[in-house]
């Protein structure tokens, strides 16, 4: 299991999510805790890079950094385009 660290700006973005997005984000959070490498590479030219992006629902993304030696995931950005 990975420890998830949410940066202040991302926490504000999570707080601004609409009600319908919250259960979807909760599922994404669970993925980050258990299998963060399931997210797609943030930079396609670096498929093994630590910077990743996970889609939640059809309108949201979480951009994060995986620090494997520390078993940590750092949430950098949460976007909802709905």
Protein backbone atom coordinates (compact mmCIF):
# COMPACT_ATOMS: atom_id res chain seq x y z
CA UNK A 1 0.00 0.00 0.00
CA UNK A 2 1.20 3.49 -0.84
CA UNK A 3 0.92 6.56 1.36
CA UNK A 4 -0.93 9.31 -0.52
CA UNK A 5 0.20 12.91 0.05
CA UNK A 6 -2.12 15.62 -1.24
CA UNK A 7 -0.56 19.01 -1.93
CA UNK A 8 -2.46 22.10 -0.71
CA UNK A 9 -3.49 23.27 -4.18
CA UNK A 10 -4.76 19.80 -5.07
CA UNK A 11 -6.69 19.64 -1.77
CA UNK A 12 -8.46 22.88 -2.75
CA UNK A 13 -9.27 21.39 -6.16
CA UNK A 14 -10.69 18.26 -4.51
CA UNK A 15 -12.80 20.45 -2.23
CA UNK A 16 -14.22 22.21 -5.29
CA UNK A 17 -15.30 18.99 -7.04
CA UNK A 18 -19.04 18.69 -7.67
CA UNK A 19 -20.98 16.15 -5.62
CA UNK A 20 -21.28 13.71 -8.53
CA UNK A 21 -17.49 13.61 -8.89
CA UNK A 22 -16.73 12.69 -5.27
CA UNK A 23 -17.47 8.94 -5.44
CA UNK A 24 -15.47 8.73 -8.66
CA UNK A 25 -12.54 10.54 -7.06
CA UNK A 26 -12.77 8.22 -4.04
CA UNK A 27 -12.36 5.25 -6.38
CA UNK A 28 -9.36 6.91 -8.01
CA UNK A 29 -7.86 7.57 -4.58
CA UNK A 30 -8.16 3.86 -3.83
CA UNK A 31 -6.27 3.05 -7.03
CA UNK A 32 -3.52 5.48 -6.01
CA UNK A 33 -3.17 3.73 -2.66
CA UNK A 34 -2.95 0.25 -4.16
CA UNK A 35 -1.74 0.46 -7.77
CA UNK A 36 -0.53 3.94 -8.74
CA UNK A 37 1.41 2.60 -11.72
CA UNK A 38 -1.95 1.83 -13.37
CA UNK A 39 -2.19 5.51 -14.33
CA UNK A 40 -0.95 6.51 -17.75
CA UNK A 41 2.41 8.25 -18.13
CA UNK A 42 2.07 12.03 -17.94
CA UNK A 43 4.72 12.32 -20.64
CA UNK A 44 4.22 9.74 -23.41
CA UNK A 45 7.91 9.90 -24.29
CA UNK A 46 8.72 8.63 -20.78
CA UNK A 47 6.44 5.60 -20.37
CA UNK A 48 8.25 4.47 -17.21
CA UNK A 49 8.31 7.96 -15.67
CA UNK A 50 7.22 8.63 -12.11
CA UNK A 51 4.84 11.40 -13.19
CA UNK A 52 1.45 9.81 -13.95
CA UNK A 53 -2.13 10.73 -14.71
CA UNK A 54 -5.25 8.81 -13.75
CA UNK A 55 -8.66 9.46 -15.31
CA UNK A 56 -11.68 9.23 -13.01
CA UNK A 57 -15.16 9.17 -14.38
CA UNK A 58 -15.19 10.56 -17.89
CA UNK A 59 -14.42 14.15 -16.90
CA UNK A 60 -11.70 14.07 -14.25
CA UNK A 61 -7.96 13.58 -14.01
CA UNK A 62 -5.49 13.30 -11.16
CA UNK A 63 -1.88 14.19 -11.91
CA UNK A 64 0.57 12.69 -9.44
CA UNK A 65 4.11 11.62 -8.76
CA UNK A 66 5.05 8.11 -7.62
CA UNK A 67 8.01 7.94 -5.24
CA UNK A 68 8.61 4.21 -5.28
CA UNK A 69 11.45 3.98 -2.74
CA UNK A 70 9.27 5.77 -0.16
CA UNK A 71 6.06 4.00 -1.31
CA UNK A 72 4.41 7.41 -1.64
CA UNK A 73 2.08 9.02 -4.17
CA UNK A 74 2.02 12.83 -4.29
CA UNK A 75 -1.17 14.30 -5.74
CA UNK A 76 -0.20 17.46 -7.62
CA UNK A 77 -3.31 18.42 -9.59
CA UNK A 78 -6.97 17.41 -9.74
CA UNK A 79 -9.07 18.57 -12.68
CA UNK A 80 -12.76 18.20 -13.46
CA UNK A 81 -14.01 19.49 -16.78
CA UNK A 82 -17.70 18.82 -16.23
